[in-house]
PDB file of N, CA and C in Angstrom:
ATOM      1  N   MET A   1     117.813  97.777 118.652  1.00  0.00           N
ATOM      2  CA  MET A   1     119.304  97.375 117.937  1.00  0.00           C
ATOM      3  C   MET A   1     119.051  98.314 116.926  1.00  0.00           C
ATOM      4  N   SER A   2     120.700  99.266 116.650  1.00  0.00           N
ATOM      5  CA  SER A   2     120.330 100.142 115.001  1.00  0.00           C
ATOM      6  C   SER A   2     121.178  99.351 114.058  1.00  0.00           C
ATOM      7  N   ARG A   3     121.245  99.370 113.052  1.00  0.00           N
ATOM      8  CA  ARG A   3     121.861  99.150 111.768  1.00  0.00           C
ATOM      9  C   ARG A   3     122.735  99.565 111.628  1.00  0.00           C
ATOM     10  N   THR A   4     124.181  99.800 111.158  1.00  0.00           N
ATOM     11  CA  THR A   4     124.489 100.691 110.235  1.00  0.00           C
ATOM     12  C   THR A   4     124.636 100.348 108.860  1.00  0.00           C
ATOM     13  N   ALA A   5     125.122 101.468 107.795  1.00  0.00           N
ATOM     14  CA  ALA A   5     124.997 101.270 106.462  1.00  0.00           C
ATOM     15  C   ALA A   5     125.214  99.968 105.893  1.00  0.00           C
ATOM     16  N   ARG A   6     126.739  99.712 107.042  1.00  0.00           N
ATOM     17  CA  ARG A   6     127.875  99.283 106.334  1.00  0.00           C
ATOM     18  C   ARG A   6     126.749  97.253 106.516  1.00  0.00           C
ATOM     19  N   ALA A   7     125.957  97.328 107.314  1.00  0.00           N
ATOM     20  CA  ALA A   7     124.850  96.228 107.375  1.00  0.00           C
ATOM     21  C   ALA A   7     124.611  95.683 106.225  1.00  0.00           C
ATOM     22  N   LEU A   8     124.366  96.790 105.493  1.00  0.00           N
ATOM     23  CA  LEU A   8     123.430  96.365 103.990  1.00  0.00           C
ATOM     24  C   LEU A   8     123.891  95.465 103.164  1.00  0.00           C
ATOM     25  N   LEU A   9     125.164  95.121 102.977  1.00  0.00           N
ATOM     26  CA  LEU A   9     125.932  94.024 102.275  1.00  0.00           C
ATOM     27  C   LEU A   9     126.090  93.414 103.405  1.00  0.00           C
ATOM     28  N   PRO A  10     126.238  91.851 103.236  1.00  0.00           N
ATOM     29  CA  PRO A  10     126.884  90.907 103.711  1.00  0.00           C
ATOM     30  C   PRO A  10     128.576  91.359 103.458  1.00  0.00           C
ATOM     31  N   ASP A  11     129.646  90.428 104.216  1.00  0.00           N
ATOM     32  CA  ASP A  11     131.344  90.761 103.960  1.00  0.00           C
ATOM     33  C   ASP A  11     131.648  90.561 102.692  1.00  0.00           C
ATOM     34  N   ALA A  12     131.082  89.497 101.867  1.00  0.00           N
ATOM     35  CA  ALA A  12     131.654  89.002 100.497  1.00  0.00           C
ATOM     36  C   ALA A  12     131.507  90.055 100.061  1.00  0.00           C
ATOM     37  N   GLN A  13     130.066  90.719  99.410  1.00  0.00           N
ATOM     38  CA  GLN A  13     129.640  91.443  98.498  1.00  0.00           C
ATOM     39  C   GLN A  13     130.746  92.961  99.276  1.00  0.00           C
ATOM     40  N   PHE A  14     130.632  93.522 100.304  1.00  0.00           N
ATOM     41  CA  PHE A  14     131.075  94.380 100.711  1.00  0.00           C
ATOM     42  C   PHE A  14     132.791  94.447 100.192  1.00  0.00           C
ATOM     43  N   ASN A  15     132.927  93.655 100.374  1.00  0.00           N
ATOM     44  CA  ASN A  15     134.258  93.362 100.068  1.00  0.00           C
ATOM     45  C   ASN A  15     134.468  93.156  98.387  1.00  0.00           C
ATOM     46  N   ASP A  16     134.040  92.502  97.962  1.00  0.00           N
ATOM     47  CA  ASP A  16     133.870  92.281  96.075  1.00  0.00           C
ATOM     48  C   ASP A  16     133.481  93.998  95.707  1.00  0.00           C
ATOM     49  N   VAL A  17     133.047  94.761  96.323  1.00  0.00           N
ATOM     50  CA  VAL A  17     132.481  96.248  95.719  1.00  0.00           C
ATOM     51  C   VAL A  17     134.173  96.784  96.401  1.00  0.00           C
ATOM     52  N   ARG A  18     134.229  96.635  97.407  1.00  0.00           N
ATOM     53  CA  ARG A  18     135.538  97.468  97.882  1.00  0.00           C
ATOM     54  C   ARG A  18     136.916  97.380  97.177  1.00  0.00           C
ATOM     55  N   ALA A  19     136.939  96.422  96.568  1.00  0.00           N
ATOM     56  CA  ALA A  19     138.084  95.844  95.892  1.00  0.00           C
ATOM     57  C   ALA A  19     137.662  95.962  94.388  1.00  0.00           C
ATOM     58  N   THR A  20     136.392  96.296  93.817  1.00  0.00           N
ATOM     59  CA  THR A  20     135.995  96.899  92.769  1.00  0.00           C
ATOM     60  C   THR A  20     137.055  98.690  92.869  1.00  0.00           C
ATOM     61  N   ALA A  21     136.303  99.220  93.892  1.00  0.00           N
ATOM     62  CA  ALA A  21     136.400 100.780  93.670  1.00  0.00           C
ATOM     63  C   ALA A  21     138.102 100.952  94.039  1.00  0.00           C
ATOM     64  N   LEU A  22     139.092 100.007  94.395  1.00  0.00           N
ATOM     65  CA  LEU A  22     140.522  99.908  94.696  1.00  0.00           C
ATOM     66  C   LEU A  22     140.916  99.560  93.495  1.00  0.00           C
ATOM     67  N   ASP A  23     140.744  98.951  92.881  1.00  0.00           N
ATOM     68  CA  ASP A  23     140.709  98.296  91.454  1.00  0.00           C
ATOM     69  C   ASP A  23     140.860  99.588  90.630  1.00  0.00           C
ATOM     70  N   ASN A  24     139.719 100.332  90.605  1.00  0.00           N
ATOM     71  CA  ASN A  24     139.200 101.668  89.861  1.00  0.00           C
ATOM     72  C   ASN A  24     139.939 102.761  89.946  1.00  0.00           C
ATOM     73  N   ASN A  25     141.020 102.787  91.414  1.00  0.00           N
ATOM     74  CA  ASN A  25     141.710 104.388  91.719  1.00  0.00           C
ATOM     75  C   ASN A  25     142.793 103.543  92.861  1.00  0.00           C
ATOM     76  N   PRO A  26     143.769 103.130  91.791  1.00  0.00           N
ATOM     77  CA  PRO A  26     144.859 103.068  92.390  1.00  0.00           C
ATOM     78  C   PRO A  26     145.535 104.305  93.693  1.00  0.00           C
ATOM     79  N   GLY A  27     146.080 103.296  94.679  1.00  0.00           N
ATOM     80  CA  GLY A  27     146.652 104.322  95.307  1.00  0.00           C
ATOM     81  C   GLY A  27     145.935 104.500  96.503  1.00  0.00           C
ATOM     82  N   THR A  28     144.829 103.956  96.512  1.00  0.00           N
ATOM     83  CA  THR A  28     143.853 104.242  97.344  1.00  0.00           C
ATOM     84  C   THR A  28     144.059 103.043  98.485  1.00  0.00           C
ATOM     85  N   GLU A  29     143.789 103.582  99.717  1.00  0.00           N
ATOM     86  CA  GLU A  29     144.260 102.879 101.247  1.00  0.00           C
ATOM     87  C   GLU A  29     142.849 101.910 101.477  1.00  0.00           C
ATOM     88  N   PRO A  30     142.533 100.438 101.779  1.00  0.00           N
ATOM     89  CA  PRO A  30     141.269  99.802 101.776  1.00  0.00           C
ATOM     90  C   PRO A  30     140.963 100.097 103.114  1.00  0.00           C
ATOM     91  N   ASP A  31     141.274 100.876 104.036  1.00  0.00           N
ATOM     92  CA  ASP A  31     140.689 101.891 105.104  1.00  0.00           C
ATOM     93  C   ASP A  31     139.630 102.865 104.240  1.00  0.00           C
ATOM     94  N   PHE A  32     140.254 103.649 103.733  1.00  0.00           N
ATOM     95  CA  PHE A  32     139.693 104.775 103.159  1.00  0.00           C
ATOM     96  C   PHE A  32     138.690 104.464 102.138  1.00  0.00           C
ATOM     97  N   ALA A  33     138.655 103.371 101.247  1.00  0.00           N
ATOM     98  CA  ALA A  33     137.572 102.421 100.333  1.00  0.00           C
ATOM     99  C   ALA A  33     136.638 102.261 101.487  1.00  0.00           C
ATOM    100  N   SER A  34     136.900 101.518 102.252  1.00  0.00           N
ATOM    101  CA  SER A  34     135.723 101.204 103.391  1.00  0.00           C
ATOM    102  C   SER A  34     134.971 102.221 103.465  1.00  0.00           C
ATOM    103  N   ARG A  35     135.611 103.368 103.911  1.00  0.00           N
ATOM    104  CA  ARG A  35     134.651 104.468 104.692  1.00  0.00           C
ATOM    105  C   ARG A  35     133.781 105.054 103.430  1.00  0.00           C
ATOM    106  N   VAL A  36     134.829 105.037 102.408  1.00  0.00           N
ATOM    107  CA  VAL A  36     133.452 105.897 101.530  1.00  0.00           C
ATOM    108  C   VAL A  36     132.637 104.735 101.031  1.00  0.00           C
ATOM    109  N   LEU A  37     132.644 103.514 101.041  1.00  0.00           N
ATOM    110  CA  LEU A  37     131.833 102.676 100.246  1.00  0.00           C
ATOM    111  C   LEU A  37     130.402 102.791 101.495  1.00  0.00           C
ATOM    112  N   ALA A  38     130.877 102.513 102.768  1.00  0.00           N
ATOM    113  CA  ALA A  38     129.896 102.921 103.857  1.00  0.00           C
ATOM    114  C   ALA A  38     129.128 103.619 104.128  1.00  0.00           C
ATOM    115  N   ASP A  39     129.534 105.054 103.502  1.00  0.00           N
ATOM    116  CA  ASP A  39     129.006 106.522 103.551  1.00  0.00           C
ATOM    117  C   ASP A  39     127.888 106.442 102.388  1.00  0.00           C
ATOM    118  N   ALA A  40     128.516 105.848 101.190  1.00  0.00           N
ATOM    119  CA  ALA A  40     127.609 105.740 100.173  1.00  0.00           C
ATOM    120  C   ALA A  40     126.445 104.775 100.221  1.00  0.00           C
ATOM    121  N   LEU A  41     126.809 103.551 100.927  1.00  0.00           N
ATOM    122  CA  LEU A  41     125.634 102.746 101.133  1.00  0.00           C
ATOM    123  C   LEU A  41     124.940 103.390 102.004  1.00  0.00           C
ATOM    124  N   GLY A  42     125.581 104.541 103.106  1.00  0.00           N
ATOM    125  CA  GLY A  42     124.395 105.342 103.940  1.00  0.00           C
ATOM    126  C   GLY A  42     123.500 106.546 103.077  1.00  0.00           C
ATOM    127  N   PHE A  43     124.206 107.152 102.245  1.00  0.00           N
ATOM    128  CA  PHE A  43     123.595 107.816 101.497  1.00  0.00           C
ATOM    129  C   PHE A  43     121.875 107.271 100.651  1.00  0.00           C
ATOM    130  N   VAL A  44     122.518 106.146 100.042  1.00  0.00           N
ATOM    131  CA  VAL A  44     121.588 104.857  98.849  1.00  0.00           C
ATOM    132  C   VAL A  44     120.351 104.915  99.891  1.00  0.00           C
ATOM    133  N   ALA A  45     121.096 104.285 101.145  1.00  0.00           N
ATOM    134  CA  ALA A  45     119.755 103.625 101.993  1.00  0.00           C
ATOM    135  C   ALA A  45     118.493 105.093 102.652  1.00  0.00           C
ATOM    136  N   THR A  46     119.348 106.719 102.826  1.00  0.00           N
ATOM    137  CA  THR A  46     118.668 107.136 102.848  1.00  0.00           C
ATOM    138  C   THR A  46     117.668 107.535 101.805  1.00  0.00           C
ATOM    139  N   ALA A  47     118.332 107.856 100.781  1.00  0.00           N
ATOM    140  CA  ALA A  47     117.551 108.206  99.792  1.00  0.00           C
ATOM    141  C   ALA A  47     116.386 107.646  99.795  1.00  0.00           C
ATOM    142  N   ALA A  48     116.648 105.830  99.454  1.00  0.00           N
ATOM    143  CA  ALA A  48     115.361 105.137  99.514  1.00  0.00           C
ATOM    144  C   ALA A  48     114.585 104.794 100.161  1.00  0.00           C
ATOM    145  N   ALA A  49     114.748 105.719 101.846  1.00  0.00           N
ATOM    146  CA  ALA A  49     114.408 105.620 102.763  1.00  0.00           C
ATOM    147  C   ALA A  49     113.069 107.214 102.415  1.00  0.00           C
ATOM    148  N   SER A  50     113.241 108.009 101.828  1.00  0.00           N
ATOM    149  CA  SER A  50     113.311 109.057 101.671  1.00  0.00           C
ATOM    150  C   SER A  50     112.353 109.402  99.896  1.00  0.00           C
ATOM    151  N   PRO A  51     111.661 108.321  99.329  1.00  0.00           N
ATOM    152  CA  PRO A  51     111.550 108.498  97.930  1.00  0.00           C
ATOM    153  C   PRO A  51     110.224 109.991  97.601  1.00  0.00           C
ATOM    154  N   ILE A  52     109.566 110.253  98.033  1.00  0.00           N
ATOM    155  CA  ILE A  52     108.908 111.179  98.307  1.00  0.00           C
ATOM    156  C   ILE A  52     109.711 112.516  98.421  1.00  0.00           C
ATOM    157  N   ARG A  53     110.188 112.736  99.294  1.00  0.00           N
ATOM    158  CA  ARG A  53     111.076 114.008  99.340  1.00  0.00           C
ATOM    159  C   ARG A  53     111.864 114.049  98.318  1.00  0.00           C
ATOM    160  N   ALA A  54     112.595 113.385  97.560  1.00  0.00           N
ATOM    161  CA  ALA A  54     113.315 113.131  95.948  1.00  0.00           C
ATOM    162  C   ALA A  54     112.169 113.620  95.104  1.00  0.00           C
ATOM    163  N   GLU A  55     111.416 112.695  94.781  1.00  0.00           N
ATOM    164  CA  GLU A  55     110.447 112.888  93.910  1.00  0.00           C
ATOM    165  C   GLU A  55     109.928 114.422  93.907  1.00  0.00           C
ATOM    166  N   ARG A  56     109.594 115.166  95.084  1.00  0.00           N
ATOM    167  CA  ARG A  56     108.959 116.485  94.979  1.00  0.00           C
ATOM    168  C   ARG A  56     110.304 117.405  94.689  1.00  0.00           C
ATOM    169  N   SER A  57     111.460 117.356  95.236  1.00  0.00           N
ATOM    170  CA  SER A  57     112.728 117.811  94.879  1.00  0.00           C
ATOM    171  C   SER A  57     113.138 117.949  93.175  1.00  0.00           C
ATOM    172  N   ARG A  58     112.808 116.806  92.594  1.00  0.00           N
ATOM    173  CA  ARG A  58     112.697 116.835  91.503  1.00  0.00           C
ATOM    174  C   ARG A  58     111.881 117.466  90.484  1.00  0.00           C
ATOM    175  N   ARG A  59     110.943 117.708  90.868  1.00  0.00           N
ATOM    176  CA  ARG A  59     109.580 118.613  90.594  1.00  0.00           C
ATOM    177  C   ARG A  59     109.985 119.833  91.036  1.00  0.00           C
ATOM    178  N   GLY A  60     110.809 120.047  91.599  1.00  0.00           N
ATOM    179  CA  GLY A  60     110.916 121.589  91.844  1.00  0.00           C
ATOM    180  C   GLY A  60     109.637 122.266  92.719  1.00  0.00           C
ATOM    181  N   SER A  61     109.019 121.312  93.866  1.00  0.00           N
ATOM    182  CA  SER A  61     107.845 121.357  94.460  1.00  0.00           C
ATOM    183  C   SER A  61     108.304 121.675  95.935  1.00  0.00           C
TER     184      SER A  61
END
Protein backbone atom coordinates (compact mmCIF):
# COMPACT_ATOMS: atom_id res chain seq x y z
CA MET A 1 0.00 0.00 0.00
CA SER A 2 1.43 3.36 -0.95
CA ARG A 3 0.77 6.44 1.12
CA THR A 4 0.32 9.84 -0.36
CA ALA A 5 1.51 13.05 1.22
CA ARG A 6 -2.14 14.01 1.62
CA ALA A 7 -2.58 11.10 4.03
CA LEU A 8 -0.11 12.66 6.48
CA LEU A 9 -2.85 14.84 7.96
CA PRO A 10 -6.33 13.74 9.02
CA ASP A 11 -9.13 15.44 7.08
CA ALA A 12 -9.95 17.88 9.88
CA GLN A 13 -6.37 19.11 10.18
CA PHE A 14 -5.90 19.28 6.41
CA ASN A 15 -9.06 21.36 6.12
CA ASP A 16 -7.94 23.68 8.93
CA VAL A 17 -4.58 24.31 7.27
CA ARG A 18 -6.25 24.82 3.90
CA ALA A 19 -8.70 27.29 5.49
CA THR A 20 -5.76 29.26 6.89
CA ALA A 21 -4.13 29.35 3.45
CA LEU A 22 -7.40 30.50 1.88
CA ASP A 23 -7.90 33.20 4.54
CA ASN A 24 -4.38 34.52 3.96
CA ASN A 25 -4.63 34.43 0.16
CA PRO A 26 -7.96 35.96 -0.89
CA GLY A 27 -9.18 34.81 -4.28
CA THR A 28 -7.41 31.46 -4.15
CA GLU A 29 -9.56 28.56 -5.31
CA PRO A 30 -10.03 25.82 -2.69
CA ASP A 31 -8.90 23.09 -5.12
CA PHE A 32 -5.69 25.00 -5.83
CA ALA A 33 -5.04 25.49 -2.11
CA SER A 34 -5.52 21.74 -1.60
CA ARG A 35 -2.98 20.94 -4.31
CA VAL A 36 -0.44 23.40 -2.91
CA LEU A 37 -0.88 21.99 0.59
CA ALA A 38 -0.50 18.39 -0.64
CA ASP A 39 2.70 19.37 -2.48
CA ALA A 40 4.01 21.12 0.63
CA LEU A 41 3.33 18.01 2.72
CA GLY A 42 5.20 15.94 0.16
CA PHE A 43 8.16 18.31 0.32
CA VAL A 44 8.29 18.16 4.12
CA ALA A 45 7.98 14.36 4.10
CA THR A 46 10.82 14.05 1.58
CA ALA A 47 13.03 16.43 3.55
CA ALA A 48 12.31 14.57 6.78
CA ALA A 49 13.23 11.27 5.14
CA SER A 50 16.57 12.69 3.96
CA PRO A 51 18.05 14.55 6.97
CA ILE A 52 21.63 13.46 6.26
CA ARG A 53 21.55 14.87 2.75
CA ALA A 54 20.12 18.13 4.04
CA GLU A 55 22.83 18.38 6.71
CA ARG A 56 25.60 17.70 4.20
CA SER A 57 24.15 20.27 1.84
CA ARG A 58 24.06 22.88 4.59
CA ARG A 59 27.73 22.28 5.40
CA GLY A 60 28.72 22.49 1.74
CA SER A 61 30.02 18.90 1.61
